[in-house]
Amino acid sequence: MSERLKIVRSPVRSRPQPPLFNNYSWVLMNTKLKVLKDKYFDYSMIRWGAVGLITNLIDYFLFVNLYGPIKSVFLANLISATVATSINFFTNHRWTFKSDQNHSNSGIKYLLNLSFWWLVSTSIIKVLVVLNIDPKIAKLIPLIVIAPINYFILNYVVFKKKN
């Protein structure tokens, strides 16, 4: 064989690839993530999520079971929200945010916050039901908007720690 054929038939070796992260960039990324976690993450978020999930399940199942017999979005949502938010208030006050405010101060702020978001939620559900969306689905849609905003309102306004 000629020299040329040997070169062509030789196995192709790829050039070594640089590592995706060298040690310095890995440390830098971990440091930045730690700063972001320390600045924005609070374990109350996890507790709030657990409490919110449980109380939203209570709210949802009460709404679905009440809407069938009474056929009133307003009344079904009022009853289900009242039961679920009573549980939510006491659990968030003591466990989630470990509030040191008395119940009357945080209770008034909580009721104002609740009333506002309840009106928004009921209005959205009513519009969706009028648009022929199943009430079982319509009840879940406002949560997507309300829940993230409500965490910050509860944490920094309603259950704000005394400093």
N, C-alpha and C. Protein backbone atom coordinates (compact mmCIF):
# COMPACT_ATOMS: atom_id res chain seq x y z
N MET A 1 0.83 -1.18 0.00
CA MET A 1 0.00 0.00 0.00
C MET A 1 0.87 1.23 0.00
N SER A 2 0.30 2.20 -0.61
CA SER A 2 1.06 3.45 -0.65
C SER A 2 0.88 4.20 0.66
N GLU A 3 1.76 5.13 0.87
CA GLU A 3 1.73 5.93 2.10
C GLU A 3 0.43 6.71 2.21
N ARG A 4 -0.07 7.14 1.11
CA ARG A 4 -1.30 7.92 1.09
C ARG A 4 -2.49 7.11 1.61
N LEU A 5 -2.62 5.86 1.21
CA LEU A 5 -3.72 5.02 1.66
C LEU A 5 -3.63 4.73 3.15
N LYS A 6 -2.43 4.61 3.67
CA LYS A 6 -2.28 4.36 5.09
C LYS A 6 -2.80 5.54 5.91
N ILE A 7 -2.57 6.72 5.41
CA ILE A 7 -3.02 7.91 6.13
C ILE A 7 -4.55 7.99 6.09
N VAL A 8 -5.13 7.71 4.94
CA VAL A 8 -6.57 7.80 4.80
C VAL A 8 -7.26 6.73 5.63
N ARG A 9 -6.68 5.53 5.69
CA ARG A 9 -7.29 4.43 6.40
C ARG A 9 -7.02 4.46 7.90
N SER A 10 -6.17 5.30 8.32
CA SER A 10 -5.87 5.34 9.75
C SER A 10 -7.07 5.87 10.51
N PRO A 11 -7.26 5.42 11.74
CA PRO A 11 -8.43 5.89 12.49
C PRO A 11 -8.37 7.40 12.72
N VAL A 12 -9.53 7.97 12.64
CA VAL A 12 -9.62 9.41 12.83
C VAL A 12 -9.65 9.69 14.33
N ARG A 13 -8.79 10.55 14.75
CA ARG A 13 -8.75 10.93 16.15
C ARG A 13 -9.29 12.34 16.29
N SER A 14 -10.23 12.47 17.19
CA SER A 14 -10.77 13.81 17.39
C SER A 14 -9.86 14.57 18.35
N ARG A 15 -9.91 15.84 18.20
CA ARG A 15 -9.11 16.67 19.09
C ARG A 15 -9.71 16.62 20.47
N PRO A 16 -8.90 16.69 21.48
CA PRO A 16 -9.47 16.70 22.84
C PRO A 16 -10.33 17.94 23.03
N GLN A 17 -11.48 17.72 23.64
CA GLN A 17 -12.40 18.82 23.89
C GLN A 17 -12.07 19.46 25.24
N PRO A 18 -12.16 20.77 25.30
CA PRO A 18 -11.92 21.41 26.60
C PRO A 18 -13.07 21.03 27.55
N PRO A 19 -12.78 20.94 28.83
CA PRO A 19 -13.85 20.59 29.76
C PRO A 19 -14.94 21.66 29.76
N LEU A 20 -16.16 21.22 29.96
CA LEU A 20 -17.29 22.14 29.95
C LEU A 20 -17.13 23.18 31.05
N PHE A 21 -16.77 22.74 32.21
CA PHE A 21 -16.52 23.65 33.33
C PHE A 21 -15.15 23.33 33.89
N ASN A 22 -14.29 24.30 33.93
CA ASN A 22 -13.05 24.06 34.64
C ASN A 22 -13.32 24.30 36.12
N ASN A 23 -12.39 23.99 36.95
CA ASN A 23 -12.60 24.05 38.38
C ASN A 23 -13.00 25.46 38.83
N TYR A 24 -12.38 26.48 38.27
CA TYR A 24 -12.68 27.85 38.68
C TYR A 24 -14.12 28.23 38.32
N SER A 25 -14.56 27.91 37.11
CA SER A 25 -15.93 28.28 36.73
C SER A 25 -16.96 27.50 37.54
N TRP A 26 -16.64 26.26 37.91
CA TRP A 26 -17.54 25.46 38.74
C TRP A 26 -17.69 26.10 40.12
N VAL A 27 -16.59 26.52 40.70
CA VAL A 27 -16.63 27.17 42.02
C VAL A 27 -17.38 28.49 41.92
N LEU A 28 -17.13 29.25 40.86
CA LEU A 28 -17.80 30.54 40.66
C LEU A 28 -19.31 30.35 40.53
N MET A 29 -19.72 29.34 39.75
CA MET A 29 -21.16 29.08 39.57
C MET A 29 -21.80 28.68 40.91
N ASN A 30 -21.14 27.80 41.66
CA ASN A 30 -21.68 27.39 42.96
C ASN A 30 -21.78 28.58 43.92
N THR A 31 -20.80 29.46 43.88
CA THR A 31 -20.82 30.64 44.74
C THR A 31 -21.99 31.55 44.37
N LYS A 32 -22.20 31.76 43.08
CA LYS A 32 -23.32 32.60 42.64
C LYS A 32 -24.67 31.98 43.01
N LEU A 33 -24.78 30.66 42.86
CA LEU A 33 -26.03 29.99 43.24
C LEU A 33 -26.27 30.10 44.74
N LYS A 34 -25.22 29.98 45.53
CA LYS A 34 -25.36 30.10 46.98
C LYS A 34 -25.81 31.51 47.37
N VAL A 35 -25.25 32.52 46.71
CA VAL A 35 -25.65 33.91 46.99
C VAL A 35 -27.12 34.10 46.65
N LEU A 36 -27.55 33.60 45.50
CA LEU A 36 -28.97 33.71 45.11
C LEU A 36 -29.87 32.98 46.09
N LYS A 37 -29.46 31.77 46.51
CA LYS A 37 -30.25 31.00 47.47
C LYS A 37 -30.35 31.74 48.80
N ASP A 38 -29.23 32.26 49.27
CA ASP A 38 -29.24 32.97 50.55
C ASP A 38 -30.07 34.24 50.48
N LYS A 39 -30.06 34.89 49.32
CA LYS A 39 -30.79 36.15 49.18
C LYS A 39 -32.29 35.95 49.01
N TYR A 40 -32.69 34.96 48.22
CA TYR A 40 -34.10 34.84 47.84
C TYR A 40 -34.83 33.63 48.41
N PHE A 41 -34.11 32.58 48.79
CA PHE A 41 -34.79 31.37 49.24
C PHE A 41 -34.92 31.39 50.75
N ASP A 42 -36.08 31.00 51.19
CA ASP A 42 -36.36 30.91 52.61
C ASP A 42 -37.11 29.60 52.82
N TYR A 43 -36.81 28.87 53.89
CA TYR A 43 -37.49 27.60 54.12
C TYR A 43 -38.98 27.79 54.36
N SER A 44 -39.39 29.01 54.65
CA SER A 44 -40.83 29.24 54.78
C SER A 44 -41.54 29.01 53.45
N MET A 45 -40.79 29.10 52.32
CA MET A 45 -41.38 28.82 51.01
C MET A 45 -41.85 27.37 50.92
N ILE A 46 -41.04 26.46 51.45
CA ILE A 46 -41.40 25.05 51.42
C ILE A 46 -42.61 24.79 52.32
N ARG A 47 -42.57 25.37 53.52
CA ARG A 47 -43.71 25.20 54.44
C ARG A 47 -44.96 25.82 53.84
N TRP A 48 -44.82 27.02 53.24
CA TRP A 48 -45.96 27.68 52.61
C TRP A 48 -46.52 26.83 51.47
N GLY A 49 -45.64 26.22 50.69
CA GLY A 49 -46.09 25.36 49.61
C GLY A 49 -46.87 24.15 50.11
N ALA A 50 -46.39 23.55 51.20
CA ALA A 50 -47.08 22.38 51.77
C ALA A 50 -48.45 22.78 52.32
N VAL A 51 -48.49 23.87 53.08
CA VAL A 51 -49.77 24.35 53.63
C VAL A 51 -50.70 24.74 52.49
N GLY A 52 -50.18 25.43 51.50
CA GLY A 52 -51.00 25.85 50.37
C GLY A 52 -51.56 24.68 49.59
N LEU A 53 -50.75 23.66 49.40
CA LEU A 53 -51.21 22.47 48.68
C LEU A 53 -52.36 21.80 49.43
N ILE A 54 -52.18 21.62 50.72
CA ILE A 54 -53.22 20.95 51.52
C ILE A 54 -54.50 21.78 51.55
N THR A 55 -54.38 23.08 51.81
CA THR A 55 -55.59 23.90 51.90
C THR A 55 -56.24 24.10 50.53
N ASN A 56 -55.45 24.11 49.47
CA ASN A 56 -56.06 24.20 48.14
C ASN A 56 -56.78 22.92 47.76
N LEU A 57 -56.26 21.78 48.21
CA LEU A 57 -56.98 20.52 47.97
C LEU A 57 -58.31 20.52 48.72
N ILE A 58 -58.29 21.00 49.97
CA ILE A 58 -59.54 21.10 50.74
C ILE A 58 -60.51 22.03 50.03
N ASP A 59 -60.02 23.20 49.61
CA ASP A 59 -60.84 24.19 48.91
C ASP A 59 -61.41 23.61 47.63
N TYR A 60 -60.57 22.94 46.85
CA TYR A 60 -60.99 22.39 45.56
C TYR A 60 -62.07 21.32 45.73
N PHE A 61 -61.82 20.37 46.64
CA PHE A 61 -62.79 19.28 46.81
C PHE A 61 -64.10 19.78 47.40
N LEU A 62 -64.04 20.75 48.29
CA LEU A 62 -65.29 21.33 48.80
C LEU A 62 -66.05 22.04 47.68
N PHE A 63 -65.33 22.83 46.87
CA PHE A 63 -65.97 23.55 45.77
C PHE A 63 -66.64 22.59 44.80
N VAL A 64 -65.90 21.57 44.37
CA VAL A 64 -66.44 20.62 43.40
C VAL A 64 -67.66 19.90 43.96
N ASN A 65 -67.60 19.51 45.22
CA ASN A 65 -68.73 18.79 45.81
C ASN A 65 -69.92 19.71 46.12
N LEU A 66 -69.68 20.98 46.35
CA LEU A 66 -70.78 21.91 46.61
C LEU A 66 -71.38 22.48 45.33
N TYR A 67 -70.56 22.68 44.28
CA TYR A 67 -71.06 23.29 43.05
C TYR A 67 -72.10 22.39 42.37
N GLY A 68 -71.89 21.10 42.41
CA GLY A 68 -72.85 20.17 41.79
C GLY A 68 -74.27 20.36 42.30
N PRO A 69 -74.50 20.27 43.62
CA PRO A 69 -75.88 20.39 44.12
C PRO A 69 -76.45 21.81 44.08
N ILE A 70 -75.62 22.84 44.34
CA ILE A 70 -76.19 24.19 44.46
C ILE A 70 -76.08 25.02 43.19
N LYS A 71 -75.21 24.63 42.26
CA LYS A 71 -75.04 25.31 40.96
C LYS A 71 -74.78 26.81 41.09
N SER A 72 -74.10 27.22 42.14
CA SER A 72 -73.75 28.62 42.32
C SER A 72 -72.25 28.74 42.56
N VAL A 73 -71.54 29.36 41.62
CA VAL A 73 -70.10 29.56 41.76
C VAL A 73 -69.84 30.41 43.01
N PHE A 74 -70.63 31.46 43.19
CA PHE A 74 -70.43 32.38 44.31
C PHE A 74 -70.53 31.65 45.65
N LEU A 75 -71.61 30.93 45.87
CA LEU A 75 -71.84 30.26 47.14
C LEU A 75 -70.86 29.11 47.38
N ALA A 76 -70.62 28.30 46.34
CA ALA A 76 -69.69 27.17 46.48
C ALA A 76 -68.28 27.67 46.78
N ASN A 77 -67.87 28.73 46.09
CA ASN A 77 -66.53 29.28 46.32
C ASN A 77 -66.44 29.96 47.68
N LEU A 78 -67.51 30.60 48.13
CA LEU A 78 -67.52 31.25 49.44
C LEU A 78 -67.34 30.23 50.57
N ILE A 79 -68.09 29.16 50.52
CA ILE A 79 -68.02 28.14 51.56
C ILE A 79 -66.68 27.43 51.54
N SER A 80 -66.25 27.00 50.36
CA SER A 80 -64.98 26.27 50.28
C SER A 80 -63.80 27.16 50.67
N ALA A 81 -63.83 28.41 50.24
CA ALA A 81 -62.74 29.34 50.59
C ALA A 81 -62.72 29.65 52.08
N THR A 82 -63.88 29.79 52.70
CA THR A 82 -63.95 30.09 54.13
C THR A 82 -63.34 28.97 54.97
N VAL A 83 -63.70 27.74 54.66
CA VAL A 83 -63.15 26.60 55.41
C VAL A 83 -61.64 26.49 55.19
N ALA A 84 -61.24 26.52 53.93
CA ALA A 84 -59.82 26.33 53.61
C ALA A 84 -58.95 27.47 54.14
N THR A 85 -59.42 28.69 54.05
CA THR A 85 -58.58 29.80 54.49
C THR A 85 -58.52 29.92 56.00
N SER A 86 -59.51 29.41 56.70
CA SER A 86 -59.42 29.38 58.17
C SER A 86 -58.26 28.48 58.58
N ILE A 87 -58.20 27.32 57.96
CA ILE A 87 -57.09 26.39 58.23
C ILE A 87 -55.78 27.03 57.80
N ASN A 88 -55.80 27.66 56.64
CA ASN A 88 -54.60 28.29 56.08
C ASN A 88 -54.06 29.39 56.98
N PHE A 89 -54.94 30.23 57.50
CA PHE A 89 -54.50 31.34 58.34
C PHE A 89 -53.76 30.85 59.59
N PHE A 90 -54.39 29.96 60.33
CA PHE A 90 -53.78 29.51 61.58
C PHE A 90 -52.48 28.74 61.34
N THR A 91 -52.45 27.93 60.29
CA THR A 91 -51.24 27.18 59.98
C THR A 91 -50.12 28.09 59.51
N ASN A 92 -50.43 29.05 58.65
CA ASN A 92 -49.40 29.99 58.19
C ASN A 92 -48.91 30.88 59.33
N HIS A 93 -49.81 31.31 60.18
CA HIS A 93 -49.43 32.21 61.27
C HIS A 93 -48.44 31.54 62.21
N ARG A 94 -48.74 30.32 62.63
CA ARG A 94 -47.90 29.64 63.63
C ARG A 94 -46.72 28.89 63.04
N TRP A 95 -46.93 28.18 61.93
CA TRP A 95 -45.90 27.26 61.46
C TRP A 95 -45.12 27.81 60.27
N THR A 96 -45.79 28.29 59.25
CA THR A 96 -45.10 28.70 58.04
C THR A 96 -44.22 29.92 58.27
N PHE A 97 -44.84 31.01 58.71
CA PHE A 97 -44.10 32.26 58.85
C PHE A 97 -43.66 32.54 60.28
N LYS A 98 -44.09 31.70 61.22
CA LYS A 98 -43.73 31.83 62.64
C LYS A 98 -43.88 33.28 63.09
N SER A 99 -45.06 33.81 62.82
CA SER A 99 -45.34 35.22 63.08
C SER A 99 -45.39 35.49 64.58
N ASP A 100 -44.83 36.65 64.95
CA ASP A 100 -44.89 37.06 66.35
C ASP A 100 -45.96 38.14 66.56
N GLN A 101 -46.74 38.42 65.52
CA GLN A 101 -47.84 39.38 65.64
C GLN A 101 -49.02 38.69 66.30
N ASN A 102 -49.85 39.50 66.98
CA ASN A 102 -51.05 38.89 67.54
C ASN A 102 -52.04 38.58 66.42
N HIS A 103 -52.98 37.72 66.72
CA HIS A 103 -53.92 37.26 65.69
C HIS A 103 -54.79 38.38 65.15
N SER A 104 -55.12 39.36 65.96
CA SER A 104 -56.02 40.41 65.47
C SER A 104 -55.34 41.28 64.42
N ASN A 105 -54.07 41.66 64.64
CA ASN A 105 -53.37 42.48 63.63
C ASN A 105 -53.19 41.73 62.33
N SER A 106 -52.63 40.55 62.42
CA SER A 106 -52.41 39.80 61.19
C SER A 106 -53.74 39.29 60.62
N GLY A 107 -54.73 39.05 61.48
CA GLY A 107 -56.03 38.57 61.01
C GLY A 107 -56.74 39.59 60.14
N ILE A 108 -56.68 40.86 60.53
CA ILE A 108 -57.33 41.92 59.73
C ILE A 108 -56.66 42.03 58.37
N LYS A 109 -55.32 42.03 58.36
CA LYS A 109 -54.59 42.11 57.09
C LYS A 109 -54.87 40.87 56.23
N TYR A 110 -54.94 39.71 56.89
CA TYR A 110 -55.21 38.47 56.18
C TYR A 110 -56.60 38.50 55.55
N LEU A 111 -57.59 38.98 56.30
CA LEU A 111 -58.95 39.05 55.76
C LEU A 111 -59.06 40.04 54.59
N LEU A 112 -58.36 41.17 54.67
CA LEU A 112 -58.36 42.11 53.55
C LEU A 112 -57.71 41.48 52.32
N ASN A 113 -56.58 40.82 52.53
CA ASN A 113 -55.90 40.13 51.44
C ASN A 113 -56.78 39.02 50.87
N LEU A 114 -57.38 38.24 51.76
CA LEU A 114 -58.27 37.15 51.35
C LEU A 114 -59.45 37.67 50.56
N SER A 115 -60.08 38.73 51.04
CA SER A 115 -61.26 39.28 50.36
C SER A 115 -60.91 39.73 48.95
N PHE A 116 -59.79 40.42 48.82
CA PHE A 116 -59.38 40.88 47.50
C PHE A 116 -59.16 39.71 46.54
N TRP A 117 -58.35 38.74 46.97
CA TRP A 117 -58.04 37.61 46.09
C TRP A 117 -59.24 36.70 45.89
N TRP A 118 -60.15 36.64 46.86
CA TRP A 118 -61.35 35.84 46.67
C TRP A 118 -62.22 36.45 45.58
N LEU A 119 -62.36 37.78 45.61
CA LEU A 119 -63.14 38.46 44.56
C LEU A 119 -62.51 38.25 43.18
N VAL A 120 -61.19 38.37 43.10
CA VAL A 120 -60.49 38.14 41.83
C VAL A 120 -60.72 36.70 41.36
N SER A 121 -60.53 35.75 42.28
CA SER A 121 -60.68 34.33 41.95
C SER A 121 -62.11 34.01 41.50
N THR A 122 -63.09 34.48 42.26
CA THR A 122 -64.49 34.20 41.91
C THR A 122 -64.85 34.82 40.57
N SER A 123 -64.36 36.01 40.30
CA SER A 123 -64.64 36.66 39.01
C SER A 123 -64.05 35.86 37.85
N ILE A 124 -62.81 35.42 38.02
CA ILE A 124 -62.17 34.63 36.96
C ILE A 124 -62.92 33.31 36.75
N ILE A 125 -63.28 32.65 37.84
CA ILE A 125 -64.01 31.38 37.73
C ILE A 125 -65.35 31.59 37.03
N LYS A 126 -66.08 32.65 37.42
CA LYS A 126 -67.39 32.93 36.83
C LYS A 126 -67.28 33.16 35.32
N VAL A 127 -66.28 33.96 34.91
CA VAL A 127 -66.08 34.23 33.49
C VAL A 127 -65.76 32.92 32.75
N LEU A 128 -64.91 32.11 33.32
CA LEU A 128 -64.55 30.85 32.67
C LEU A 128 -65.73 29.88 32.58
N VAL A 129 -66.58 29.85 33.61
CA VAL A 129 -67.76 28.99 33.58
C VAL A 129 -68.74 29.49 32.52
N VAL A 130 -68.90 30.80 32.41
CA VAL A 130 -69.78 31.38 31.37
C VAL A 130 -69.24 31.03 29.97
N LEU A 131 -67.91 30.92 29.85
CA LEU A 131 -67.30 30.54 28.58
C LEU A 131 -67.31 29.02 28.36
N ASN A 132 -68.11 28.32 29.14
CA ASN A 132 -68.31 26.87 29.03
C ASN A 132 -67.07 26.05 29.38
N ILE A 133 -66.25 26.57 30.28
CA ILE A 133 -65.13 25.78 30.79
C ILE A 133 -65.64 25.07 32.04
N ASP A 134 -65.31 23.81 32.14
CA ASP A 134 -65.75 22.99 33.27
C ASP A 134 -65.34 23.66 34.59
N PRO A 135 -66.27 23.82 35.53
CA PRO A 135 -65.95 24.47 36.81
C PRO A 135 -64.80 23.79 37.56
N LYS A 136 -64.65 22.49 37.36
CA LYS A 136 -63.55 21.78 38.02
C LYS A 136 -62.19 22.27 37.51
N ILE A 137 -62.13 22.63 36.26
CA ILE A 137 -60.90 23.18 35.67
C ILE A 137 -60.80 24.67 35.97
N ALA A 138 -61.92 25.37 35.85
CA ALA A 138 -61.93 26.82 36.07
C ALA A 138 -61.47 27.18 37.48
N LYS A 139 -61.76 26.34 38.45
CA LYS A 139 -61.37 26.60 39.84
C LYS A 139 -59.85 26.61 39.99
N LEU A 140 -59.14 25.85 39.17
CA LEU A 140 -57.68 25.74 39.28
C LEU A 140 -56.93 26.89 38.61
N ILE A 141 -57.52 27.50 37.60
CA ILE A 141 -56.82 28.50 36.79
C ILE A 141 -56.39 29.74 37.59
N PRO A 142 -57.23 30.31 38.46
CA PRO A 142 -56.77 31.49 39.21
C PRO A 142 -55.57 31.23 40.11
N LEU A 143 -55.39 30.00 40.52
CA LEU A 143 -54.25 29.66 41.39
C LEU A 143 -52.91 29.98 40.75
N ILE A 144 -52.84 29.83 39.45
CA ILE A 144 -51.59 30.07 38.72
C ILE A 144 -51.14 31.52 38.89
N VAL A 145 -52.09 32.43 38.91
CA VAL A 145 -51.77 33.85 39.04
C VAL A 145 -51.65 34.25 40.51
N ILE A 146 -52.57 33.80 41.32
CA ILE A 146 -52.70 34.28 42.70
C ILE A 146 -51.61 33.74 43.62
N ALA A 147 -51.30 32.46 43.53
CA ALA A 147 -50.40 31.83 44.49
C ALA A 147 -49.03 32.49 44.59
N PRO A 148 -48.31 32.71 43.50
CA PRO A 148 -46.97 33.30 43.65
C PRO A 148 -47.01 34.71 44.25
N ILE A 149 -47.97 35.50 43.86
CA ILE A 149 -48.07 36.87 44.38
C ILE A 149 -48.43 36.83 45.86
N ASN A 150 -49.31 35.92 46.22
CA ASN A 150 -49.80 35.84 47.59
C ASN A 150 -48.71 35.46 48.59
N TYR A 151 -47.74 34.64 48.17
CA TYR A 151 -46.65 34.28 49.09
C TYR A 151 -45.95 35.54 49.60
N PHE A 152 -45.60 36.41 48.69
CA PHE A 152 -44.87 37.62 49.08
C PHE A 152 -45.73 38.56 49.91
N ILE A 153 -47.01 38.66 49.59
CA ILE A 153 -47.90 39.50 50.40
C ILE A 153 -48.02 38.94 51.81
N LEU A 154 -48.19 37.63 51.92
CA LEU A 154 -48.30 37.01 53.25
C LEU A 154 -47.00 37.16 54.04
N ASN A 155 -45.88 36.92 53.39
CA ASN A 155 -44.60 36.94 54.08
C ASN A 155 -44.17 38.34 54.49
N TYR A 156 -44.37 39.33 53.64
CA TYR A 156 -43.83 40.66 53.89
C TYR A 156 -44.85 41.69 54.38
N VAL A 157 -46.13 41.36 54.32
CA VAL A 157 -47.15 42.31 54.78
C VAL A 157 -48.00 41.71 55.91
N VAL A 158 -48.63 40.59 55.65
CA VAL A 158 -49.60 40.04 56.60
C VAL A 158 -48.90 39.47 57.84
N PHE A 159 -47.92 38.60 57.63
CA PHE A 159 -47.23 37.94 58.75
C PHE A 159 -45.83 38.51 58.96
N LYS A 160 -45.66 39.76 58.66
CA LYS A 160 -44.35 40.42 58.77
C LYS A 160 -43.85 40.33 60.20
N LYS A 161 -42.58 39.96 60.31
CA LYS A 161 -41.97 39.84 61.64
C LYS A 161 -41.65 41.22 62.20
N LYS A 162 -41.80 41.37 63.48
CA LYS A 162 -41.45 42.63 64.13
C LYS A 162 -39.92 42.75 64.17
N ASN A 163 -39.43 43.93 63.82
CA ASN A 163 -37.97 44.13 63.84
C ASN A 163 -37.62 45.22 64.84
